[in-house]
Amino acid sequence: MDKDKIKTLFHSLFNKVGTIAVGVASTENLLRKEELNTISPEELKKRIFHLLKVLNKVEENSIALNKTLEELYRELSAQEDFVPPDFT
């Protein structure tokens, strides 16, 4: 395996983790405890629907992240002299 593929896999990991983090932060914003008693039922329905979409995206990225991690682990395990790529 070449260093470019390893670098690509690492970048893929970073992107997926970032997407998951944004999704988790969105759930906090969508369902703030202090707002739940003051928003309309229609607004609550919108937020819940949006939250479901966000969580589906988080789930998709979690599955993809697992697959990428497994691939990266296999590839790195096959190398005896692995040196992490420079991401700067």
Protein backbone atom coordinates (compact mmCIF):
# COMPACT_ATOMS: atom_id res chain seq x y z
CA MET A 1 0.00 0.00 0.00
CA ASP A 2 1.31 3.44 -0.79
CA LYS A 3 1.37 6.47 1.48
CA ASP A 4 -1.19 8.29 -0.68
CA LYS A 5 -3.81 5.64 0.04
CA ILE A 6 -3.04 5.79 3.76
CA LYS A 7 -3.28 9.58 3.67
CA THR A 8 -6.61 9.35 1.82
CA LEU A 9 -7.96 6.92 4.43
CA PHE A 10 -6.89 9.21 7.28
CA HIS A 11 -8.56 12.21 5.60
CA SER A 12 -11.69 10.12 5.13
CA LEU A 13 -11.65 9.31 8.85
CA PHE A 14 -11.28 12.97 9.80
CA ASN A 15 -14.19 13.96 7.54
CA LYS A 16 -16.49 11.27 8.90
CA VAL A 17 -15.66 12.11 12.51
CA GLY A 18 -16.30 15.79 11.75
CA THR A 19 -19.68 15.01 10.20
CA ILE A 20 -20.64 12.90 13.21
CA ALA A 21 -19.58 15.68 15.61
CA VAL A 22 -21.67 18.25 13.73
CA GLY A 23 -24.64 15.89 13.83
CA VAL A 24 -24.32 15.40 17.56
CA ALA A 25 -24.05 19.16 18.11
CA SER A 26 -27.18 19.64 15.98
CA THR A 27 -29.20 17.37 18.23
CA GLU A 28 -28.39 19.64 21.14
CA ASN A 29 -29.54 22.71 19.23
CA LEU A 30 -32.72 21.07 17.93
CA LEU A 31 -34.04 19.92 21.27
CA ARG A 32 -33.01 22.45 23.88
CA LYS A 33 -34.73 21.50 27.08
CA GLU A 34 -35.62 25.07 28.00
CA GLU A 35 -37.42 25.60 24.66
CA LEU A 36 -39.52 22.45 24.61
CA ASN A 37 -42.36 23.96 26.65
CA THR A 38 -42.55 27.15 24.60
CA ILE A 39 -42.42 25.98 20.98
CA SER A 40 -45.50 25.09 18.99
CA PRO A 41 -46.39 21.47 18.24
CA GLU A 42 -45.76 22.17 14.54
CA GLU A 43 -42.28 23.52 15.27
CA LEU A 44 -41.57 20.53 17.49
CA LYS A 45 -42.63 18.18 14.67
CA LYS A 46 -40.28 20.00 12.28
CA ARG A 47 -37.40 19.74 14.71
CA ILE A 48 -38.01 16.05 15.37
CA PHE A 49 -38.17 15.34 11.63
CA HIS A 50 -34.94 17.26 11.08
CA LEU A 51 -33.36 15.44 14.02
CA LEU A 52 -34.28 12.10 12.46
CA LYS A 53 -32.53 13.15 9.24
CA VAL A 54 -29.46 14.28 11.18
CA LEU A 55 -29.30 11.04 13.17
CA ASN A 56 -29.63 8.98 9.99
CA LYS A 57 -26.65 10.88 8.58
CA VAL A 58 -24.71 10.26 11.80
CA GLU A 59 -25.53 6.55 11.56
CA GLU A 60 -24.43 6.39 7.90
CA ASN A 61 -21.16 8.11 8.75
CA SER A 62 -20.59 5.86 11.76
CA ILE A 63 -20.95 2.78 9.58
CA ALA A 64 -18.65 4.29 6.95
CA LEU A 65 -16.18 5.26 9.67
CA ASN A 66 -16.10 1.67 10.94
CA LYS A 67 -15.40 0.34 7.45
CA THR A 68 -12.67 2.91 6.86
CA LEU A 69 -11.05 2.11 10.21
CA GLU A 70 -11.14 -1.61 9.44
CA GLU A 71 -9.56 -1.04 6.03
CA LEU A 72 -6.91 1.24 7.48
CA TYR A 73 -6.12 -1.27 10.24
CA ARG A 74 -5.74 -4.10 7.70
CA GLU A 75 -3.51 -2.01 5.48
CA LEU A 76 -1.32 -0.78 8.33
CA SER A 77 -1.08 -4.27 9.82
CA ALA A 78 0.33 -5.50 6.52
CA GLN A 79 3.19 -3.00 6.69
CA GLU A 80 6.23 -3.58 8.84
CA ASP A 81 7.78 -0.14 8.44
CA PHE A 82 4.74 2.12 8.61
CA VAL A 83 5.45 5.79 9.25
CA PRO A 84 2.37 8.02 9.65
CA PRO A 85 1.97 10.54 6.80
CA ASP A 86 2.59 14.23 7.41
CA PHE A 87 -0.79 16.04 7.40
CA THR A 88 0.62 19.55 7.61
